[in-house]
């Protein structure tokens, strides 16, 4: 199996290469930009499988496919975690959310291998995926959430939720009045319901509301710490892999 990685963050690319080596997958080439990838594809035999980051240092990786007719199978590696990622499930395409989990990577590789030699070249319409990611259709995001409080149902408006977080296998909504409400949904399943311009997943534990950010502070290892207006029970840290996308989201 001929495998390449296209990833602009070299430490992330090397880590992915090491994880793949543990799965007996040898990476033959690592590319780090749109320009470099286009030149490489023009001069080399295309691989069986590409691990592809979406946001590269000099543009979106979709530009590579606009310039070169690539038929390789693709597994996306991305920090985007909005509902549009569901598009990457089309045509047996998989995606891995950074920071890449070893078990999820193993599942994706097994999925690719299960196709067999006759099915290893997966067809896909990048225009459809790109449209879903970059130009999403109008969606009805949830404006309110219903939670159980004793024997009562309470309605919580999304605008008063400072953050959603996971703790002890539960998912909670922290509100501006200092209350924390247990939700009957996982953090991952909240993804499709949250308006991406308002809520951002800064880590595997937290979605935060942009309207309730009080301060953003530099943190160790090139990370950022978020301080909200009211919630202060746990440190909210933007993982290093998501700092770049967080800054783009703030703009």
C-alpha atoms as a PDB file:
ATOM      1  CA  UNK A   1       0.000   0.000   0.000  1.00  0.00           C
ATOM      2  CA  UNK A   2       1.435   3.343  -1.101  1.00  0.00           C
ATOM      3  CA  UNK A   3       0.508   6.029   1.447  1.00  0.00           C
ATOM      4  CA  UNK A   4       1.307   9.751   1.671  1.00  0.00           C
ATOM      5  CA  UNK A   5       0.496  12.431   4.223  1.00  0.00           C
ATOM      6  CA  UNK A   6      -0.389  16.025   3.295  1.00  0.00           C
ATOM      7  CA  UNK A   7      -0.164  18.113   6.469  1.00  0.00           C
ATOM      8  CA  UNK A   8       1.335  21.579   6.970  1.00  0.00           C
ATOM      9  CA  UNK A   9       2.214  21.044  10.636  1.00  0.00           C
ATOM     10  CA  UNK A  10       5.345  18.908  10.468  1.00  0.00           C
ATOM     11  CA  UNK A  11       5.178  17.604  14.075  1.00  0.00           C
ATOM     12  CA  UNK A  12       1.594  16.465  13.434  1.00  0.00           C
ATOM     13  CA  UNK A  13       2.674  14.795  10.194  1.00  0.00           C
ATOM     14  CA  UNK A  14       5.534  12.974  11.930  1.00  0.00           C
ATOM     15  CA  UNK A  15       3.243  11.839  14.742  1.00  0.00           C
ATOM     16  CA  UNK A  16       0.717  10.485  12.254  1.00  0.00           C
ATOM     17  CA  UNK A  17       3.536   8.683  10.461  1.00  0.00           C
ATOM     18  CA  UNK A  18       4.621   7.030  13.710  1.00  0.00           C
ATOM     19  CA  UNK A  19       1.059   5.960  14.522  1.00  0.00           C
ATOM     20  CA  UNK A  20       0.678   4.470  11.057  1.00  0.00           C
ATOM     21  CA  UNK A  21       3.972   2.617  11.450  1.00  0.00           C
ATOM     22  CA  UNK A  22       2.526   0.903  14.520  1.00  0.00           C
ATOM     23  CA  UNK A  23      -0.277  -0.310  12.234  1.00  0.00           C
ATOM     24  CA  UNK A  24       2.287  -1.619   9.730  1.00  0.00           C
ATOM     25  CA  UNK A  25       1.465   1.165   7.291  1.00  0.00           C
ATOM     26  CA  UNK A  26       4.520   2.757   5.704  1.00  0.00           C
ATOM     27  CA  UNK A  27       4.298   6.417   4.687  1.00  0.00           C
ATOM     28  CA  UNK A  28       6.406   7.016   1.587  1.00  0.00           C
ATOM     29  CA  UNK A  29       6.039  10.800   1.333  1.00  0.00           C
ATOM     30  CA  UNK A  30       5.054  13.773   3.498  1.00  0.00           C
ATOM     31  CA  UNK A  31       3.917  16.984   1.796  1.00  0.00           C
ATOM     32  CA  UNK A  32       3.300  20.251   3.603  1.00  0.00           C
ATOM     33  CA  UNK A  33       1.612  22.730   1.257  1.00  0.00           C
ATOM     34  CA  UNK A  34      -0.764  23.039  -1.664  1.00  0.00           C
ATOM     35  CA  UNK A  35       2.024  24.131  -3.997  1.00  0.00           C
ATOM     36  CA  UNK A  36       4.348  21.314  -2.953  1.00  0.00           C
ATOM     37  CA  UNK A  37       1.569  18.726  -3.314  1.00  0.00           C
ATOM     38  CA  UNK A  38       0.540  19.873  -6.801  1.00  0.00           C
ATOM     39  CA  UNK A  39       4.141  19.660  -8.031  1.00  0.00           C
ATOM     40  CA  UNK A  40       4.587  16.230  -6.453  1.00  0.00           C
ATOM     41  CA  UNK A  41       1.409  14.795  -8.003  1.00  0.00           C
ATOM     42  CA  UNK A  42       2.412  16.113 -11.415  1.00  0.00           C
ATOM     43  CA  UNK A  43       5.717  14.262 -11.265  1.00  0.00           C
ATOM     44  CA  UNK A  44       4.954  11.066  -9.320  1.00  0.00           C
ATOM     45  CA  UNK A  45       2.690   8.036  -9.424  1.00  0.00           C
ATOM     46  CA  UNK A  46      -0.380   8.746  -7.347  1.00  0.00           C
ATOM     47  CA  UNK A  47      -0.646   6.801  -4.067  1.00  0.00           C
ATOM     48  CA  UNK A  48      -3.279   4.307  -2.977  1.00  0.00           C
ATOM     49  CA  UNK A  49      -4.230   6.365   0.074  1.00  0.00           C
ATOM     50  CA  UNK A  50      -3.825   9.995   1.146  1.00  0.00           C
ATOM     51  CA  UNK A  51      -4.090  11.306   4.711  1.00  0.00           C
ATOM     52  CA  UNK A  52      -5.174  14.853   3.945  1.00  0.00           C
ATOM     53  CA  UNK A  53      -5.390  17.958   6.123  1.00  0.00           C
ATOM     54  CA  UNK A  54      -7.938  20.498   4.835  1.00  0.00           C
ATOM     55  CA  UNK A  55      -6.358  23.777   5.942  1.00  0.00           C
ATOM     56  CA  UNK A  56      -2.779  24.021   4.704  1.00  0.00           C
ATOM     57  CA  UNK A  57      -0.378  26.917   5.155  1.00  0.00           C
ATOM     58  CA  UNK A  58      -0.946  28.280   1.644  1.00  0.00           C
ATOM     59  CA  UNK A  59      -4.610  27.442   1.130  1.00  0.00           C
ATOM     60  CA  UNK A  60      -7.223  24.709   1.241  1.00  0.00           C
ATOM     61  CA  UNK A  61      -6.195  21.231   0.169  1.00  0.00           C
ATOM     62  CA  UNK A  62      -9.165  21.130  -2.221  1.00  0.00           C
ATOM     63  CA  UNK A  63      -7.048  23.325  -4.494  1.00  0.00           C
ATOM     64  CA  UNK A  64      -4.779  20.324  -5.089  1.00  0.00           C
ATOM     65  CA  UNK A  65      -7.670  18.367  -6.558  1.00  0.00           C
ATOM     66  CA  UNK A  66      -8.745  21.328  -8.642  1.00  0.00           C
ATOM     67  CA  UNK A  67      -5.293  21.383 -10.235  1.00  0.00           C
ATOM     68  CA  UNK A  68      -4.584  17.661 -10.554  1.00  0.00           C
ATOM     69  CA  UNK A  69      -6.945  14.783 -11.343  1.00  0.00           C
ATOM     70  CA  UNK A  70      -6.404  12.545  -8.327  1.00  0.00           C
ATOM     71  CA  UNK A  71      -8.118   9.175  -7.960  1.00  0.00           C
ATOM     72  CA  UNK A  72      -6.517   8.127  -4.679  1.00  0.00           C
ATOM     73  CA  UNK A  73      -8.543   7.179  -1.642  1.00  0.00           C
ATOM     74  CA  UNK A  74      -8.652   9.886   1.034  1.00  0.00           C
ATOM     75  CA  UNK A  75      -8.882   9.960   4.805  1.00  0.00           C
ATOM     76  CA  UNK A  76      -9.213  13.517   6.069  1.00  0.00           C
ATOM     77  CA  UNK A  77      -7.275  14.693   9.117  1.00  0.00           C
ATOM     78  CA  UNK A  78      -8.798  17.933  10.275  1.00  0.00           C
ATOM     79  CA  UNK A  79      -9.527  20.258  13.151  1.00  0.00           C
ATOM     80  CA  UNK A  80     -12.875  21.248  11.642  1.00  0.00           C
ATOM     81  CA  UNK A  81     -15.603  19.724  13.762  1.00  0.00           C
ATOM     82  CA  UNK A  82     -18.768  21.335  12.460  1.00  0.00           C
ATOM     83  CA  UNK A  83     -21.703  19.408  11.045  1.00  0.00           C
ATOM     84  CA  UNK A  84     -20.200  19.585   7.532  1.00  0.00           C
ATOM     85  CA  UNK A  85     -17.746  16.853   8.520  1.00  0.00           C
ATOM     86  CA  UNK A  86     -20.617  14.442   7.990  1.00  0.00           C
ATOM     87  CA  UNK A  87     -19.995  15.045   4.298  1.00  0.00           C
ATOM     88  CA  UNK A  88     -16.728  13.162   4.599  1.00  0.00           C
ATOM     89  CA  UNK A  89     -18.654   9.962   5.225  1.00  0.00           C
ATOM     90  CA  UNK A  90     -19.898  10.095   1.624  1.00  0.00           C
ATOM     91  CA  UNK A  91     -18.600   7.389  -0.699  1.00  0.00           C
ATOM     92  CA  UNK A  92     -16.825   5.519   2.116  1.00  0.00           C
ATOM     93  CA  UNK A  93     -14.559   8.472   2.899  1.00  0.00           C
ATOM     94  CA  UNK A  94     -13.523   8.725   6.524  1.00  0.00           C
ATOM     95  CA  UNK A  95     -12.175  11.577   8.624  1.00  0.00           C
ATOM     96  CA  UNK A  96     -10.090  11.847  11.774  1.00  0.00           C
ATOM     97  CA  UNK A  97     -10.502  14.777  14.106  1.00  0.00           C
ATOM     98  CA  UNK A  98      -7.281  16.220  15.490  1.00  0.00           C
ATOM     99  CA  UNK A  99      -5.651  15.404  17.859  1.00  0.00           C
ATOM    100  CA  UNK A 100      -5.800  12.016  16.136  1.00  0.00           C
ATOM    101  CA  UNK A 101      -6.792   9.133  18.389  1.00  0.00           C
ATOM    102  CA  UNK A 102      -4.875   5.881  17.849  1.00  0.00           C
ATOM    103  CA  UNK A 103      -7.979   3.683  18.012  1.00  0.00           C
ATOM    104  CA  UNK A 104      -9.868   5.885  15.547  1.00  0.00           C
ATOM    105  CA  UNK A 105      -6.880   5.788  13.204  1.00  0.00           C
ATOM    106  CA  UNK A 106      -6.754   2.008  13.401  1.00  0.00           C
ATOM    107  CA  UNK A 107     -10.482   1.820  12.608  1.00  0.00           C
ATOM    108  CA  UNK A 108     -10.036   4.069   9.566  1.00  0.00           C
ATOM    109  CA  UNK A 109      -7.113   1.997   8.252  1.00  0.00           C
ATOM    110  CA  UNK A 110      -9.070  -1.233   8.748  1.00  0.00           C
ATOM    111  CA  UNK A 111     -11.983   0.328   6.891  1.00  0.00           C
ATOM    112  CA  UNK A 112      -9.732   1.166   3.961  1.00  0.00           C
ATOM    113  CA  UNK A 113      -8.166  -2.296   3.926  1.00  0.00           C
ATOM    114  CA  UNK A 114     -11.602  -3.929   3.984  1.00  0.00           C
ATOM    115  CA  UNK A 115     -12.351  -2.482   0.566  1.00  0.00           C
ATOM    116  CA  UNK A 116     -10.049  -5.019  -1.073  1.00  0.00           C
ATOM    117  CA  UNK A 117      -7.808  -4.463  -4.110  1.00  0.00           C
ATOM    118  CA  UNK A 118     -10.686  -3.926  -6.527  1.00  0.00           C
ATOM    119  CA  UNK A 119     -12.250  -1.187  -4.446  1.00  0.00           C
ATOM    120  CA  UNK A 120      -9.254   0.691  -3.155  1.00  0.00           C
ATOM    121  CA  UNK A 121      -9.777   3.633  -5.501  1.00  0.00           C
ATOM    122  CA  UNK A 122     -12.700   5.492  -3.972  1.00  0.00           C
ATOM    123  CA  UNK A 123     -14.555   7.909  -6.197  1.00  0.00           C
ATOM    124  CA  UNK A 124     -15.595  11.177  -4.646  1.00  0.00           C
ATOM    125  CA  UNK A 125     -16.958  14.525  -5.707  1.00  0.00           C
ATOM    126  CA  UNK A 126     -14.723  17.102  -4.059  1.00  0.00           C
ATOM    127  CA  UNK A 127     -16.974  19.906  -5.224  1.00  0.00           C
ATOM    128  CA  UNK A 128     -19.839  18.465  -3.175  1.00  0.00           C
ATOM    129  CA  UNK A 129     -17.647  18.075  -0.104  1.00  0.00           C
ATOM    130  CA  UNK A 130     -16.134  21.533  -0.534  1.00  0.00           C
ATOM    131  CA  UNK A 131     -19.573  23.102  -0.893  1.00  0.00           C
ATOM    132  CA  UNK A 132     -20.827  21.410   2.253  1.00  0.00           C
ATOM    133  CA  UNK A 133     -17.765  22.517   4.194  1.00  0.00           C
ATOM    134  CA  UNK A 134     -17.262  26.049   2.946  1.00  0.00           C
ATOM    135  CA  UNK A 135     -20.712  27.143   1.747  1.00  0.00           C
ATOM    136  CA  UNK A 136     -23.181  25.321   3.989  1.00  0.00           C
ATOM    137  CA  UNK A 137     -26.865  25.596   3.224  1.00  0.00           C
ATOM    138  CA  UNK A 138     -29.138  27.432   5.592  1.00  0.00           C
ATOM    139  CA  UNK A 139     -29.698  25.255   8.631  1.00  0.00           C
ATOM    140  CA  UNK A 140     -31.994  25.480  11.575  1.00  0.00           C
ATOM    141  CA  UNK A 141     -29.640  25.326  14.523  1.00  0.00           C
ATOM    142  CA  UNK A 142     -31.101  24.733  17.963  1.00  0.00           C
ATOM    143  CA  UNK A 143     -32.150  27.927  19.701  1.00  0.00           C
ATOM    144  CA  UNK A 144     -33.107  26.228  22.953  1.00  0.00           C
ATOM    145  CA  UNK A 145     -32.491  23.030  24.889  1.00  0.00           C
ATOM    146  CA  UNK A 146     -34.808  21.128  27.217  1.00  0.00           C
ATOM    147  CA  UNK A 147     -33.386  19.597  30.413  1.00  0.00           C
ATOM    148  CA  UNK A 148     -34.829  17.669  33.321  1.00  0.00           C
ATOM    149  CA  UNK A 149     -34.715  19.443  36.691  1.00  0.00           C
ATOM    150  CA  UNK A 150     -36.226  17.110  39.252  1.00  0.00           C
ATOM    151  CA  UNK A 151     -39.794  16.454  38.126  1.00  0.00           C
ATOM    152  CA  UNK A 152     -39.799  19.469  35.843  1.00  0.00           C
ATOM    153  CA  UNK A 153     -38.666  20.294  32.316  1.00  0.00           C
ATOM    154  CA  UNK A 154     -36.677  23.487  31.938  1.00  0.00           C
ATOM    155  CA  UNK A 155     -36.118  25.340  28.683  1.00  0.00           C
ATOM    156  CA  UNK A 156     -32.670  26.901  28.262  1.00  0.00           C
ATOM    157  CA  UNK A 157     -32.020  29.344  25.451  1.00  0.00           C
ATOM    158  CA  UNK A 158     -28.775  28.711  23.565  1.00  0.00           C
ATOM    159  CA  UNK A 159     -27.763  32.353  23.939  1.00  0.00           C
ATOM    160  CA  UNK A 160     -27.406  32.015  27.734  1.00  0.00           C
ATOM    161  CA  UNK A 161     -25.195  28.919  27.512  1.00  0.00           C
ATOM    162  CA  UNK A 162     -21.577  29.904  28.079  1.00  0.00           C
ATOM    163  CA  UNK A 163     -20.218  26.488  27.244  1.00  0.00           C
ATOM    164  CA  UNK A 164     -20.991  22.816  26.848  1.00  0.00           C
ATOM    165  CA  UNK A 165     -18.591  20.417  28.521  1.00  0.00           C
ATOM    166  CA  UNK A 166     -18.143  16.727  29.274  1.00  0.00           C
ATOM    167  CA  UNK A 167     -17.404  15.360  32.721  1.00  0.00           C
ATOM    168  CA  UNK A 168     -17.650  11.853  34.156  1.00  0.00           C
ATOM    169  CA  UNK A 169     -19.272  10.564  30.947  1.00  0.00           C
ATOM    170  CA  UNK A 170     -21.967  13.248  31.146  1.00  0.00           C
ATOM    171  CA  UNK A 171     -22.532  16.342  28.992  1.00  0.00           C
ATOM    172  CA  UNK A 172     -23.425  19.629  30.677  1.00  0.00           C
ATOM    173  CA  UNK A 173     -24.555  23.106  29.689  1.00  0.00           C
ATOM    174  CA  UNK A 174     -23.112  25.909  31.845  1.00  0.00           C
ATOM    175  CA  UNK A 175     -25.316  28.999  31.838  1.00  0.00           C
ATOM    176  CA  UNK A 176     -24.873  32.666  32.631  1.00  0.00           C
ATOM    177  CA  UNK A 177     -26.630  32.266  35.992  1.00  0.00           C
ATOM    178  CA  UNK A 178     -23.900  29.900  37.197  1.00  0.00           C
ATOM    179  CA  UNK A 179     -25.969  26.715  36.822  1.00  0.00           C
ATOM    180  CA  UNK A 180     -24.798  23.481  35.179  1.00  0.00           C
ATOM    181  CA  UNK A 181     -27.460  21.324  33.540  1.00  0.00           C
ATOM    182  CA  UNK A 182     -27.048  17.680  32.564  1.00  0.00           C
ATOM    183  CA  UNK A 183     -28.042  17.008  28.959  1.00  0.00           C
ATOM    184  CA  UNK A 184     -29.247  13.769  27.429  1.00  0.00           C
ATOM    185  CA  UNK A 185     -26.795  13.961  24.517  1.00  0.00           C
ATOM    186  CA  UNK A 186     -23.085  13.455  23.909  1.00  0.00           C
ATOM    187  CA  UNK A 187     -20.746  16.312  23.068  1.00  0.00           C
ATOM    188  CA  UNK A 188     -20.132  14.759  19.646  1.00  0.00           C
ATOM    189  CA  UNK A 189     -23.843  14.607  18.890  1.00  0.00           C
ATOM    190  CA  UNK A 190     -24.253  18.280  19.771  1.00  0.00           C
ATOM    191  CA  UNK A 191     -22.147  19.127  16.737  1.00  0.00           C
ATOM    192  CA  UNK A 192     -24.987  19.256  14.225  1.00  0.00           C
ATOM    193  CA  UNK A 193     -27.190  21.371  16.516  1.00  0.00           C
ATOM    194  CA  UNK A 194     -24.802  24.207  17.358  1.00  0.00           C
ATOM    195  CA  UNK A 195     -24.423  27.285  15.196  1.00  0.00           C
ATOM    196  CA  UNK A 196     -20.750  27.224  14.113  1.00  0.00           C
ATOM    197  CA  UNK A 197     -20.392  31.015  14.148  1.00  0.00           C
ATOM    198  CA  UNK A 198     -21.386  31.033  17.825  1.00  0.00           C
ATOM    199  CA  UNK A 199     -20.025  27.774  19.255  1.00  0.00           C
ATOM    200  CA  UNK A 200     -16.550  26.327  18.736  1.00  0.00           C
ATOM    201  CA  UNK A 201     -15.104  23.084  20.050  1.00  0.00           C
ATOM    202  CA  UNK A 202     -11.796  24.110  21.602  1.00  0.00           C
ATOM    203  CA  UNK A 203     -10.975  20.611  22.843  1.00  0.00           C
ATOM    204  CA  UNK A 204     -12.520  17.196  23.231  1.00  0.00           C
ATOM    205  CA  UNK A 205     -14.130  18.436  26.475  1.00  0.00           C
ATOM    206  CA  UNK A 206     -15.456  21.903  25.620  1.00  0.00           C
ATOM    207  CA  UNK A 207     -17.633  23.853  23.208  1.00  0.00           C
ATOM    208  CA  UNK A 208     -17.591  27.557  24.021  1.00  0.00           C
ATOM    209  CA  UNK A 209     -19.910  30.437  23.132  1.00  0.00           C
ATOM    210  CA  UNK A 210     -18.052  33.354  21.521  1.00  0.00           C
ATOM    211  CA  UNK A 211     -20.414  35.843  23.153  1.00  0.00           C
ATOM    212  CA  UNK A 212     -19.331  34.828  26.663  1.00  0.00           C
ATOM    213  CA  UNK A 213     -15.548  34.943  26.298  1.00  0.00           C
ATOM    214  CA  UNK A 214     -14.101  37.286  28.909  1.00  0.00           C
ATOM    215  CA  UNK A 215     -10.424  36.806  28.184  1.00  0.00           C
ATOM    216  CA  UNK A 216      -7.978  34.772  26.089  1.00  0.00           C
ATOM    217  CA  UNK A 217      -4.576  34.110  27.643  1.00  0.00           C
ATOM    218  CA  UNK A 218      -1.406  32.524  26.293  1.00  0.00           C
ATOM    219  CA  UNK A 219      -0.833  29.091  27.816  1.00  0.00           C
ATOM    220  CA  UNK A 220       1.980  26.537  27.813  1.00  0.00           C
ATOM    221  CA  UNK A 221       2.983  24.608  24.664  1.00  0.00           C
ATOM    222  CA  UNK A 222       1.557  27.221  22.272  1.00  0.00           C
ATOM    223  CA  UNK A 223      -1.951  26.727  23.605  1.00  0.00           C
ATOM    224  CA  UNK A 224      -4.544  29.264  24.736  1.00  0.00           C
ATOM    225  CA  UNK A 225      -6.619  29.492  27.892  1.00  0.00           C
ATOM    226  CA  UNK A 226     -10.195  30.742  27.625  1.00  0.00           C
ATOM    227  CA  UNK A 227     -11.865  32.562  30.497  1.00  0.00           C
ATOM    228  CA  UNK A 228     -15.625  32.886  30.362  1.00  0.00           C
ATOM    229  CA  UNK A 229     -17.786  35.449  32.116  1.00  0.00           C
ATOM    230  CA  UNK A 230     -19.184  33.059  34.718  1.00  0.00           C
ATOM    231  CA  UNK A 231     -18.011  29.465  34.275  1.00  0.00           C
ATOM    232  CA  UNK A 232     -14.726  28.804  36.108  1.00  0.00           C
ATOM    233  CA  UNK A 233     -14.971  25.271  37.454  1.00  0.00           C
ATOM    234  CA  UNK A 234     -12.390  23.809  35.065  1.00  0.00           C
ATOM    235  CA  UNK A 235      -9.631  25.306  32.965  1.00  0.00           C
ATOM    236  CA  UNK A 236     -10.704  25.701  29.353  1.00  0.00           C
ATOM    237  CA  UNK A 237      -7.673  25.150  27.134  1.00  0.00           C
ATOM    238  CA  UNK A 238      -7.620  25.398  23.358  1.00  0.00           C
ATOM    239  CA  UNK A 239      -5.609  22.371  22.267  1.00  0.00           C
ATOM    240  CA  UNK A 240      -2.464  23.161  20.306  1.00  0.00           C
ATOM    241  CA  UNK A 241      -3.842  21.471  17.185  1.00  0.00           C
ATOM    242  CA  UNK A 242      -6.908  23.756  17.212  1.00  0.00           C
ATOM    243  CA  UNK A 243      -5.331  27.110  18.026  1.00  0.00           C
ATOM    244  CA  UNK A 244      -4.960  28.077  14.367  1.00  0.00           C
ATOM    245  CA  UNK A 245      -8.604  27.272  13.588  1.00  0.00           C
ATOM    246  CA  UNK A 246      -9.781  28.964  16.768  1.00  0.00           C
ATOM    247  CA  UNK A 247      -8.063  32.178  15.715  1.00  0.00           C
ATOM    248  CA  UNK A 248      -9.679  31.946  12.281  1.00  0.00           C
ATOM    249  CA  UNK A 249     -13.052  31.403  13.945  1.00  0.00           C
ATOM    250  CA  UNK A 250     -12.610  34.569  15.994  1.00  0.00           C
ATOM    251  CA  UNK A 251     -12.140  36.726  12.902  1.00  0.00           C
END
